[in-house]
PDB file of all heavy atoms in Angstrom:
ATOM      1  N   SER A   1       0.864  -1.176   0.023  1.00  0.00           N
ATOM      2  CA  SER A   1      -0.004   0.070   0.040  1.00  0.00           C
ATOM      3  C   SER A   1       0.867   1.240  -0.023  1.00  0.00           C
ATOM      4  O   SER A   1       2.049   1.231   0.346  1.00  0.00           O
ATOM      5  CB  SER A   1      -0.888   0.064   1.240  1.00  0.00           C
ATOM      6  OG  SER A   1      -0.136   0.283   2.410  1.00  0.00           O
ATOM      7  N   ARG A   2       0.263   2.349  -0.405  1.00  0.00           N
ATOM      8  CA  ARG A   2       1.014   3.577  -0.362  1.00  0.00           C
ATOM      9  C   ARG A   2       1.394   3.934   1.117  1.00  0.00           C
ATOM     10  O   ARG A   2       2.543   4.467   1.333  1.00  0.00           O
ATOM     11  CB  ARG A   2       0.219   4.761  -0.929  1.00  0.00           C
ATOM     12  CG  ARG A   2      -0.038   4.624  -2.447  1.00  0.00           C
ATOM     13  CD  ARG A   2      -0.932   5.650  -2.998  1.00  0.00           C
ATOM     14  NE  ARG A   2      -0.995   5.440  -4.472  1.00  0.00           N
ATOM     15  CZ  ARG A   2      -0.607   6.414  -5.371  1.00  0.00           C
ATOM     16  NH1 ARG A   2      -0.124   7.494  -4.912  1.00  0.00           N
ATOM     17  NH2 ARG A   2      -0.591   6.192  -6.610  1.00  0.00           N
ATOM     18  N   ASP A   3       0.577   3.568   2.019  1.00  0.00           N
ATOM     19  CA  ASP A   3       0.850   3.944   3.416  1.00  0.00           C
ATOM     20  C   ASP A   3       1.955   3.106   3.986  1.00  0.00           C
ATOM     21  O   ASP A   3       2.818   3.561   4.729  1.00  0.00           O
ATOM     22  CB  ASP A   3      -0.378   3.649   4.332  1.00  0.00           C
ATOM     23  CG  ASP A   3      -0.104   4.005   5.781  1.00  0.00           C
ATOM     24  OD1 ASP A   3       0.160   5.286   6.089  1.00  0.00           O
ATOM     25  OD2 ASP A   3      -0.072   3.084   6.618  1.00  0.00           O
ATOM     26  N   ASP A   4       2.189   1.877   3.395  1.00  0.00           N
ATOM     27  CA  ASP A   4       3.406   1.016   3.737  1.00  0.00           C
ATOM     28  C   ASP A   4       4.637   1.832   3.402  1.00  0.00           C
ATOM     29  O   ASP A   4       5.549   1.747   4.207  1.00  0.00           O
ATOM     30  CB  ASP A   4       3.346  -0.259   3.020  1.00  0.00           C
ATOM     31  CG  ASP A   4       2.270  -1.272   3.485  1.00  0.00           C
ATOM     32  OD1 ASP A   4       2.002  -1.167   4.615  1.00  0.00           O
ATOM     33  OD2 ASP A   4       1.845  -2.085   2.697  1.00  0.00           O
ATOM     34  N   LEU A   5       4.671   2.495   2.321  1.00  0.00           N
ATOM     35  CA  LEU A   5       5.832   3.229   1.914  1.00  0.00           C
ATOM     36  C   LEU A   5       5.977   4.613   2.567  1.00  0.00           C
ATOM     37  O   LEU A   5       7.056   4.892   3.057  1.00  0.00           O
ATOM     38  CB  LEU A   5       5.838   3.487   0.307  1.00  0.00           C
ATOM     39  CG  LEU A   5       6.431   2.264  -0.506  1.00  0.00           C
ATOM     40  CD1 LEU A   5       5.717   0.968  -0.276  1.00  0.00           C
ATOM     41  CD2 LEU A   5       6.527   2.624  -1.962  1.00  0.00           C
ATOM     42  N   TRP A   6       4.968   5.429   2.627  1.00  0.00           N
ATOM     43  CA  TRP A   6       5.087   6.650   3.212  1.00  0.00           C
ATOM     44  C   TRP A   6       5.319   6.605   4.646  1.00  0.00           C
ATOM     45  O   TRP A   6       6.028   7.458   5.247  1.00  0.00           O
ATOM     46  CB  TRP A   6       3.881   7.549   2.898  1.00  0.00           C
ATOM     47  CG  TRP A   6       3.645   8.049   1.616  1.00  0.00           C
ATOM     48  CD1 TRP A   6       2.651   7.873   0.729  1.00  0.00           C
ATOM     49  CD2 TRP A   6       4.611   9.041   0.952  1.00  0.00           C
ATOM     50  NE1 TRP A   6       2.921   8.520  -0.492  1.00  0.00           N
ATOM     51  CE2 TRP A   6       4.007   9.319  -0.287  1.00  0.00           C
ATOM     52  CE3 TRP A   6       5.704   9.718   1.341  1.00  0.00           C
ATOM     53  CZ2 TRP A   6       4.661  10.125  -1.181  1.00  0.00           C
ATOM     54  CZ3 TRP A   6       6.352  10.618   0.508  1.00  0.00           C
ATOM     55  CH2 TRP A   6       5.796  10.801  -0.800  1.00  0.00           C
ATOM     56  N   SER A   7       4.848   5.565   5.368  1.00  0.00           N
ATOM     57  CA  SER A   7       5.079   5.419   6.747  1.00  0.00           C
ATOM     58  C   SER A   7       6.434   4.799   7.096  1.00  0.00           C
ATOM     59  O   SER A   7       6.772   4.650   8.294  1.00  0.00           O
ATOM     60  CB  SER A   7       3.966   4.607   7.384  1.00  0.00           C
ATOM     61  OG  SER A   7       4.029   3.177   6.947  1.00  0.00           O
ATOM     62  N   HIS A   8       7.093   4.308   6.109  1.00  0.00           N
ATOM     63  CA  HIS A   8       8.390   3.645   6.276  1.00  0.00           C
ATOM     64  C   HIS A   8       8.208   2.390   7.097  1.00  0.00           C
ATOM     65  O   HIS A   8       9.070   2.043   7.941  1.00  0.00           O
ATOM     66  CB  HIS A   8       9.412   4.601   6.859  1.00  0.00           C
ATOM     67  CG  HIS A   8       9.626   5.814   6.033  1.00  0.00           C
ATOM     68  ND1 HIS A   8      10.113   7.021   6.576  1.00  0.00           N
ATOM     69  CD2 HIS A   8       9.553   6.030   4.699  1.00  0.00           C
ATOM     70  CE1 HIS A   8      10.166   7.874   5.626  1.00  0.00           C
ATOM     71  NE2 HIS A   8       9.919   7.381   4.502  1.00  0.00           N
ATOM     72  N   ARG A   9       7.143   1.762   6.923  1.00  0.00           N
ATOM     73  CA  ARG A   9       6.763   0.559   7.759  1.00  0.00           C
ATOM     74  C   ARG A   9       7.878  -0.567   7.638  1.00  0.00           C
ATOM     75  O   ARG A   9       8.208  -1.164   8.608  1.00  0.00           O
ATOM     76  CB  ARG A   9       5.459  -0.076   7.268  1.00  0.00           C
ATOM     77  CG  ARG A   9       4.947  -1.262   8.037  1.00  0.00           C
ATOM     78  CD  ARG A   9       3.659  -1.842   7.490  1.00  0.00           C
ATOM     79  NE  ARG A   9       3.283  -2.998   8.095  1.00  0.00           N
ATOM     80  CZ  ARG A   9       2.114  -3.669   7.815  1.00  0.00           C
ATOM     81  NH1 ARG A   9       1.469  -3.355   6.716  1.00  0.00           N
ATOM     82  NH2 ARG A   9       1.832  -4.772   8.359  1.00  0.00           N
ATOM     83  N   TYR A  10       8.496  -0.646   6.524  1.00  0.00           N
ATOM     84  CA  TYR A  10       9.453  -1.777   6.268  1.00  0.00           C
ATOM     85  C   TYR A  10      10.931  -1.223   6.091  1.00  0.00           C
ATOM     86  O   TYR A  10      11.744  -1.980   5.670  1.00  0.00           O
ATOM     87  CB  TYR A  10       9.031  -2.573   5.037  1.00  0.00           C
ATOM     88  CG  TYR A  10       7.722  -3.326   5.190  1.00  0.00           C
ATOM     89  CD1 TYR A  10       6.661  -2.942   4.423  1.00  0.00           C
ATOM     90  CD2 TYR A  10       7.520  -4.236   6.169  1.00  0.00           C
ATOM     91  CE1 TYR A  10       5.409  -3.525   4.604  1.00  0.00           C
ATOM     92  CE2 TYR A  10       6.238  -4.875   6.323  1.00  0.00           C
ATOM     93  CZ  TYR A  10       5.190  -4.499   5.519  1.00  0.00           C
ATOM     94  OH  TYR A  10       4.071  -5.092   5.658  1.00  0.00           O
ATOM     95  N   LEU A  11      11.130   0.025   6.340  1.00  0.00           N
ATOM     96  CA  LEU A  11      12.392   0.719   6.140  1.00  0.00           C
ATOM     97  C   LEU A  11      13.475   0.182   7.123  1.00  0.00           C
ATOM     98  O   LEU A  11      13.272   0.215   8.297  1.00  0.00           O
ATOM     99  CB  LEU A  11      12.249   2.221   6.288  1.00  0.00           C
ATOM    100  CG  LEU A  11      13.608   2.973   6.071  1.00  0.00           C
ATOM    101  CD1 LEU A  11      14.174   2.713   4.708  1.00  0.00           C
ATOM    102  CD2 LEU A  11      13.376   4.508   6.301  1.00  0.00           C
ATOM    103  N   LEU A  12      14.508  -0.381   6.495  1.00  0.00           N
ATOM    104  CA  LEU A  12      15.630  -0.928   7.361  1.00  0.00           C
ATOM    105  C   LEU A  12      16.554   0.206   7.736  1.00  0.00           C
ATOM    106  O   LEU A  12      16.758   1.102   7.093  1.00  0.00           O
ATOM    107  CB  LEU A  12      16.397  -1.957   6.530  1.00  0.00           C
ATOM    108  CG  LEU A  12      15.549  -3.180   5.994  1.00  0.00           C
ATOM    109  CD1 LEU A  12      16.296  -3.858   4.949  1.00  0.00           C
ATOM    110  CD2 LEU A  12      15.182  -4.104   7.130  1.00  0.00           C
ATOM    111  N   PRO A  13      17.108   0.010   9.078  1.00  0.00           N
ATOM    112  CA  PRO A  13      17.941   1.025   9.544  1.00  0.00           C
ATOM    113  C   PRO A  13      19.285   1.208   8.551  1.00  0.00           C
ATOM    114  O   PRO A  13      19.665   2.368   8.397  1.00  0.00           O
ATOM    115  CB  PRO A  13      18.495   0.373  10.883  1.00  0.00           C
ATOM    116  CG  PRO A  13      17.386  -0.412  11.297  1.00  0.00           C
ATOM    117  CD  PRO A  13      16.799  -1.005   9.991  1.00  0.00           C
ATOM    118  N   GLY A  14      19.795   0.056   8.049  1.00  0.00           N
ATOM    119  CA  GLY A  14      20.886   0.272   7.124  1.00  0.00           C
ATOM    120  C   GLY A  14      20.567   1.020   5.929  1.00  0.00           C
ATOM    121  O   GLY A  14      21.439   1.810   5.409  1.00  0.00           O
ATOM    122  N   VAL A  15      19.447   0.895   5.345  1.00  0.00           N
ATOM    123  CA  VAL A  15      18.968   1.731   4.175  1.00  0.00           C
ATOM    124  C   VAL A  15      18.795   3.109   4.561  1.00  0.00           C
ATOM    125  O   VAL A  15      19.210   4.044   3.871  1.00  0.00           O
ATOM    126  CB  VAL A  15      17.714   1.022   3.544  1.00  0.00           C
ATOM    127  CG1 VAL A  15      17.187   1.973   2.403  1.00  0.00           C
ATOM    128  CG2 VAL A  15      18.025  -0.279   3.028  1.00  0.00           C
ATOM    129  N   ARG A  16      18.138   3.394   5.742  1.00  0.00           N
ATOM    130  CA  ARG A  16      17.914   4.703   6.090  1.00  0.00           C
ATOM    131  C   ARG A  16      19.351   5.459   6.330  1.00  0.00           C
ATOM    132  O   ARG A  16      19.485   6.627   5.934  1.00  0.00           O
ATOM    133  CB  ARG A  16      17.168   4.809   7.479  1.00  0.00           C
ATOM    134  CG  ARG A  16      16.891   6.267   7.882  1.00  0.00           C
ATOM    135  CD  ARG A  16      16.358   6.208   9.417  1.00  0.00           C
ATOM    136  NE  ARG A  16      15.033   5.653   9.469  1.00  0.00           N
ATOM    137  CZ  ARG A  16      13.882   6.315   9.282  1.00  0.00           C
ATOM    138  NH1 ARG A  16      13.845   7.553   8.950  1.00  0.00           N
ATOM    139  NH2 ARG A  16      12.723   5.636   9.502  1.00  0.00           N
ATOM    140  N   PHE A  17      20.214   4.735   6.953  1.00  0.00           N
ATOM    141  CA  PHE A  17      21.489   5.288   7.122  1.00  0.00           C
ATOM    142  C   PHE A  17      22.294   5.671   5.921  1.00  0.00           C
ATOM    143  O   PHE A  17      22.869   6.740   5.804  1.00  0.00           O
ATOM    144  CB  PHE A  17      22.368   4.265   8.083  1.00  0.00           C
ATOM    145  CG  PHE A  17      23.699   4.849   8.462  1.00  0.00           C
ATOM    146  CD1 PHE A  17      23.852   5.640   9.572  1.00  0.00           C
ATOM    147  CD2 PHE A  17      24.862   4.646   7.609  1.00  0.00           C
ATOM    148  CE1 PHE A  17      25.082   6.172   9.946  1.00  0.00           C
ATOM    149  CE2 PHE A  17      26.122   5.159   8.033  1.00  0.00           C
ATOM    150  CZ  PHE A  17      26.151   5.841   9.211  1.00  0.00           C
ATOM    151  N   ALA A  18      22.131   4.771   4.970  1.00  0.00           N
ATOM    152  CA  ALA A  18      22.884   5.039   3.668  1.00  0.00           C
ATOM    153  C   ALA A  18      22.335   6.148   2.940  1.00  0.00           C
ATOM    154  O   ALA A  18      22.959   7.025   2.476  1.00  0.00           O
ATOM    155  CB  ALA A  18      22.807   3.686   2.767  1.00  0.00           C
ATOM    156  N   VAL A  19      20.965   6.180   2.814  1.00  0.00           N
ATOM    157  CA  VAL A  19      20.329   7.335   2.095  1.00  0.00           C
ATOM    158  C   VAL A  19      20.542   8.664   2.775  1.00  0.00           C
ATOM    159  O   VAL A  19      20.874   9.637   2.102  1.00  0.00           O
ATOM    160  CB  VAL A  19      18.853   7.032   1.907  1.00  0.00           C
ATOM    161  CG1 VAL A  19      18.172   8.263   1.282  1.00  0.00           C
ATOM    162  CG2 VAL A  19      18.611   5.787   1.052  1.00  0.00           C
ATOM    163  N   ASP A  20      20.355   8.664   4.093  1.00  0.00           N
ATOM    164  CA  ASP A  20      20.667   9.922   4.849  1.00  0.00           C
ATOM    165  C   ASP A  20      22.104  10.422   4.611  1.00  0.00           C
ATOM    166  O   ASP A  20      22.376  11.602   4.576  1.00  0.00           O
ATOM    167  CB  ASP A  20      20.388   9.773   6.330  1.00  0.00           C
ATOM    168  CG  ASP A  20      18.948   9.591   6.590  1.00  0.00           C
ATOM    169  OD1 ASP A  20      18.095   9.784   5.633  1.00  0.00           O
ATOM    170  OD2 ASP A  20      18.505   9.333   7.731  1.00  0.00           O
ATOM    171  N   ALA A  21      23.059   9.478   4.593  1.00  0.00           N
ATOM    172  CA  ALA A  21      24.456   9.883   4.337  1.00  0.00           C
ATOM    173  C   ALA A  21      24.638  10.474   2.968  1.00  0.00           C
ATOM    174  O   ALA A  21      25.460  11.454   2.812  1.00  0.00           O
ATOM    175  CB  ALA A  21      25.384   8.619   4.462  1.00  0.00           C
ATOM    176  N   TYR A  22      23.853   9.984   2.040  1.00  0.00           N
ATOM    177  CA  TYR A  22      24.003  10.541   0.647  1.00  0.00           C
ATOM    178  C   TYR A  22      23.439  12.065   0.675  1.00  0.00           C
ATOM    179  O   TYR A  22      24.016  12.918   0.121  1.00  0.00           O
ATOM    180  CB  TYR A  22      23.169   9.700  -0.341  1.00  0.00           C
ATOM    181  CG  TYR A  22      23.336  10.141  -1.734  1.00  0.00           C
ATOM    182  CD1 TYR A  22      24.449  10.718  -2.248  1.00  0.00           C
ATOM    183  CD2 TYR A  22      22.118  10.070  -2.593  1.00  0.00           C
ATOM    184  CE1 TYR A  22      24.503  11.184  -3.653  1.00  0.00           C
ATOM    185  CE2 TYR A  22      22.231  10.496  -3.879  1.00  0.00           C
ATOM    186  CZ  TYR A  22      23.360  11.078  -4.525  1.00  0.00           C
ATOM    187  OH  TYR A  22      23.386  11.470  -5.720  1.00  0.00           O
ATOM    188  N   VAL A  23      22.289  12.204   1.244  1.00  0.00           N
ATOM    189  CA  VAL A  23      21.692  13.480   1.268  1.00  0.00           C
ATOM    190  C   VAL A  23      22.628  14.455   2.037  1.00  0.00           C
ATOM    191  O   VAL A  23      22.863  15.607   1.647  1.00  0.00           O
ATOM    192  CB  VAL A  23      20.339  13.544   1.940  1.00  0.00           C
ATOM    193  CG1 VAL A  23      19.722  14.884   2.113  1.00  0.00           C
ATOM    194  CG2 VAL A  23      19.363  12.684   1.150  1.00  0.00           C
ATOM    195  N   ASN A  24      23.211  14.017   3.122  1.00  0.00           N
ATOM    196  CA  ASN A  24      24.144  14.794   3.930  1.00  0.00           C
ATOM    197  C   ASN A  24      25.361  15.179   3.111  1.00  0.00           C
ATOM    198  O   ASN A  24      25.882  16.418   3.153  1.00  0.00           O
ATOM    199  CB  ASN A  24      24.520  14.216   5.192  1.00  0.00           C
ATOM    200  CG  ASN A  24      25.332  15.102   6.070  1.00  0.00           C
ATOM    201  OD1 ASN A  24      24.935  16.154   6.528  1.00  0.00           O
ATOM    202  ND2 ASN A  24      26.563  14.596   6.388  1.00  0.00           N
ATOM    203  N   PHE A  25      25.842  14.212   2.331  1.00  0.00           N
ATOM    204  CA  PHE A  25      27.060  14.493   1.455  1.00  0.00           C
ATOM    205  C   PHE A  25      26.703  15.578   0.456  1.00  0.00           C
ATOM    206  O   PHE A  25      27.573  16.473   0.268  1.00  0.00           O
ATOM    207  CB  PHE A  25      27.321  13.197   0.689  1.00  0.00           C
ATOM    208  CG  PHE A  25      28.481  13.254  -0.178  1.00  0.00           C
ATOM    209  CD1 PHE A  25      29.770  12.923   0.237  1.00  0.00           C
ATOM    210  CD2 PHE A  25      28.369  13.568  -1.532  1.00  0.00           C
ATOM    211  CE1 PHE A  25      30.887  13.060  -0.573  1.00  0.00           C
ATOM    212  CE2 PHE A  25      29.468  13.636  -2.391  1.00  0.00           C
ATOM    213  CZ  PHE A  25      30.733  13.338  -1.928  1.00  0.00           C
ATOM    214  N   CYS A  26      25.551  15.592  -0.082  1.00  0.00           N
ATOM    215  CA  CYS A  26      25.232  16.528  -1.114  1.00  0.00           C
ATOM    216  C   CYS A  26      24.869  17.996  -0.491  1.00  0.00           C
ATOM    217  O   CYS A  26      25.096  18.971  -1.253  1.00  0.00           O
ATOM    218  CB  CYS A  26      23.981  16.066  -1.920  1.00  0.00           C
ATOM    219  SG  CYS A  26      24.313  14.592  -2.994  1.00  0.00           S
ATOM    220  N   ARG A  27      24.523  17.908   0.759  1.00  0.00           N
ATOM    221  CA  ARG A  27      24.309  19.234   1.498  1.00  0.00           C
ATOM    222  C   ARG A  27      25.711  19.835   1.864  1.00  0.00           C
ATOM    223  O   ARG A  27      25.818  21.077   1.857  1.00  0.00           O
ATOM    224  CB  ARG A  27      23.592  18.961   2.723  1.00  0.00           C
ATOM    225  CG  ARG A  27      22.114  18.806   2.529  1.00  0.00           C
ATOM    226  CD  ARG A  27      21.344  18.549   3.803  1.00  0.00           C
ATOM    227  NE  ARG A  27      19.882  18.522   3.619  1.00  0.00           N
ATOM    228  CZ  ARG A  27      19.047  17.847   4.273  1.00  0.00           C
ATOM    229  NH1 ARG A  27      19.556  17.001   5.246  1.00  0.00           N
ATOM    230  NH2 ARG A  27      17.784  17.773   4.029  1.00  0.00           N
ATOM    231  N   THR A  28      26.712  19.095   2.055  1.00  0.00           N
ATOM    232  CA  THR A  28      27.916  19.589   2.772  1.00  0.00           C
ATOM    233  C   THR A  28      29.154  19.592   1.784  1.00  0.00           C
ATOM    234  O   THR A  28      30.082  20.356   2.109  1.00  0.00           O
ATOM    235  CB  THR A  28      28.351  18.706   3.909  1.00  0.00           C
ATOM    236  OG1 THR A  28      28.495  17.294   3.527  1.00  0.00           O
ATOM    237  CG2 THR A  28      27.232  18.780   4.964  1.00  0.00           C
ATOM    238  N   GLN A  29      29.084  18.908   0.625  1.00  0.00           N
ATOM    239  CA  GLN A  29      30.189  18.986  -0.328  1.00  0.00           C
ATOM    240  C   GLN A  29      30.014  20.076  -1.350  1.00  0.00           C
ATOM    241  O   GLN A  29      28.870  20.576  -1.647  1.00  0.00           O
ATOM    242  CB  GLN A  29      30.241  17.679  -0.969  1.00  0.00           C
ATOM    243  CG  GLN A  29      30.706  16.468  -0.057  1.00  0.00           C
ATOM    244  CD  GLN A  29      32.125  16.677   0.457  1.00  0.00           C
ATOM    245  OE1 GLN A  29      33.001  16.867  -0.347  1.00  0.00           O
ATOM    246  NE2 GLN A  29      32.272  16.444   1.712  1.00  0.00           N
ATOM    247  N   PRO A  30      31.050  20.544  -1.933  1.00  0.00           N
ATOM    248  CA  PRO A  30      31.017  21.523  -2.998  1.00  0.00           C
ATOM    249  C   PRO A  30      30.063  20.935  -4.130  1.00  0.00           C
ATOM    250  O   PRO A  30      30.129  19.729  -4.414  1.00  0.00           O
ATOM    251  CB  PRO A  30      32.385  21.716  -3.435  1.00  0.00           C
ATOM    252  CG  PRO A  30      33.249  21.229  -2.332  1.00  0.00           C
ATOM    253  CD  PRO A  30      32.485  20.222  -1.651  1.00  0.00           C
ATOM    254  N   TRP A  31      29.223  21.775  -4.712  1.00  0.00           N
ATOM    255  CA  TRP A  31      28.268  21.315  -5.689  1.00  0.00           C
ATOM    256  C   TRP A  31      28.829  20.439  -6.841  1.00  0.00           C
ATOM    257  O   TRP A  31      28.162  19.480  -7.273  1.00  0.00           O
ATOM    258  CB  TRP A  31      27.421  22.489  -6.214  1.00  0.00           C
ATOM    259  CG  TRP A  31      28.153  23.469  -7.033  1.00  0.00           C
ATOM    260  CD1 TRP A  31      28.689  24.646  -6.567  1.00  0.00           C
ATOM    261  CD2 TRP A  31      28.435  23.430  -8.493  1.00  0.00           C
ATOM    262  NE1 TRP A  31      29.312  25.297  -7.665  1.00  0.00           N
ATOM    263  CE2 TRP A  31      29.096  24.606  -8.742  1.00  0.00           C
ATOM    264  CE3 TRP A  31      28.067  22.541  -9.454  1.00  0.00           C
ATOM    265  CZ2 TRP A  31      29.544  24.857 -10.146  1.00  0.00           C
ATOM    266  CZ3 TRP A  31      28.436  22.755 -10.766  1.00  0.00           C
ATOM    267  CH2 TRP A  31      29.121  23.947 -11.114  1.00  0.00           C
ATOM    268  N   PRO A  32      30.045  20.777  -7.390  1.00  0.00           N
ATOM    269  CA  PRO A  32      30.512  19.893  -8.459  1.00  0.00           C
ATOM    270  C   PRO A  32      30.754  18.532  -7.949  1.00  0.00           C
ATOM    271  O   PRO A  32      30.623  17.534  -8.813  1.00  0.00           O
ATOM    272  CB  PRO A  32      31.873  20.635  -8.915  1.00  0.00           C
ATOM    273  CG  PRO A  32      31.668  21.987  -8.467  1.00  0.00           C
ATOM    274  CD  PRO A  32      30.944  21.970  -7.201  1.00  0.00           C
ATOM    275  N   ILE A  33      31.231  18.401  -6.720  1.00  0.00           N
ATOM    276  CA  ILE A  33      31.439  17.072  -6.200  1.00  0.00           C
ATOM    277  C   ILE A  33      30.205  16.286  -5.882  1.00  0.00           C
ATOM    278  O   ILE A  33      30.066  15.078  -6.142  1.00  0.00           O
ATOM    279  CB  ILE A  33      32.289  17.174  -4.870  1.00  0.00           C
ATOM    280  CG1 ILE A  33      33.641  17.941  -5.168  1.00  0.00           C
ATOM    281  CG2 ILE A  33      32.645  15.708  -4.354  1.00  0.00           C
ATOM    282  CD1 ILE A  33      34.398  17.383  -6.339  1.00  0.00           C
ATOM    283  N   ALA A  34      29.104  16.957  -5.424  1.00  0.00           N
ATOM    284  CA  ALA A  34      27.868  16.328  -5.229  1.00  0.00           C
ATOM    285  C   ALA A  34      27.234  15.940  -6.587  1.00  0.00           C
ATOM    286  O   ALA A  34      26.679  14.859  -6.676  1.00  0.00           O
ATOM    287  CB  ALA A  34      26.939  17.382  -4.530  1.00  0.00           C
ATOM    288  N   ILE A  35      27.439  16.774  -7.606  1.00  0.00           N
ATOM    289  CA  ILE A  35      27.014  16.282  -8.981  1.00  0.00           C
ATOM    290  C   ILE A  35      27.738  15.098  -9.441  1.00  0.00           C
ATOM    291  O   ILE A  35      27.168  14.141  -9.953  1.00  0.00           O
ATOM    292  CB  ILE A  35      27.178  17.403  -9.896  1.00  0.00           C
ATOM    293  CG1 ILE A  35      26.011  18.516  -9.712  1.00  0.00           C
ATOM    294  CG2 ILE A  35      27.170  16.989 -11.462  1.00  0.00           C
ATOM    295  CD1 ILE A  35      26.063  19.733 -10.656  1.00  0.00           C
ATOM    296  N   ALA A  36      29.017  15.034  -9.151  1.00  0.00           N
ATOM    297  CA  ALA A  36      29.814  13.840  -9.583  1.00  0.00           C
ATOM    298  C   ALA A  36      29.280  12.551  -8.871  1.00  0.00           C
ATOM    299  O   ALA A  36      29.352  11.498  -9.535  1.00  0.00           O
ATOM    300  CB  ALA A  36      31.324  14.039  -9.213  1.00  0.00           C
ATOM    301  N   ALA A  37      28.863  12.692  -7.609  1.00  0.00           N
ATOM    302  CA  ALA A  37      28.250  11.532  -6.996  1.00  0.00           C
ATOM    303  C   ALA A  37      27.096  10.945  -7.647  1.00  0.00           C
ATOM    304  O   ALA A  37      26.783   9.785  -7.559  1.00  0.00           O
ATOM    305  CB  ALA A  37      27.969  11.882  -5.569  1.00  0.00           C
ATOM    306  N   SER A  38      26.385  11.844  -8.375  1.00  0.00           N
ATOM    307  CA  SER A  38      25.177  11.348  -9.123  1.00  0.00           C
ATOM    308  C   SER A  38      25.528  10.547 -10.333  1.00  0.00           C
ATOM    309  O   SER A  38      24.560  10.010 -10.996  1.00  0.00           O
ATOM    310  CB  SER A  38      24.324  12.579  -9.508  1.00  0.00           C
ATOM    311  OG  SER A  38      24.840  13.141 -10.609  1.00  0.00           O
ATOM    312  N   LEU A  39      26.753  10.458 -10.704  1.00  0.00           N
ATOM    313  CA  LEU A  39      27.084   9.844 -11.946  1.00  0.00           C
ATOM    314  C   LEU A  39      26.985   8.320 -12.011  1.00  0.00           C
ATOM    315  O   LEU A  39      27.328   7.707 -12.998  1.00  0.00           O
ATOM    316  CB  LEU A  39      28.578  10.297 -12.435  1.00  0.00           C
ATOM    317  CG  LEU A  39      28.632  11.757 -12.851  1.00  0.00           C
ATOM    318  CD1 LEU A  39      30.115  12.042 -13.227  1.00  0.00           C
ATOM    319  CD2 LEU A  39      27.763  11.920 -14.006  1.00  0.00           C
TER     320      LEU A  39
END
């Protein structure tokens, strides 16, 4: 269900940690380096 996804019912800690690390990387690194990570 959509609620399963939006509520993060099945979200694993390791997945949350990895994704949050990526967002934090893009917030804190110079923009050309953040763009390079998207490659």
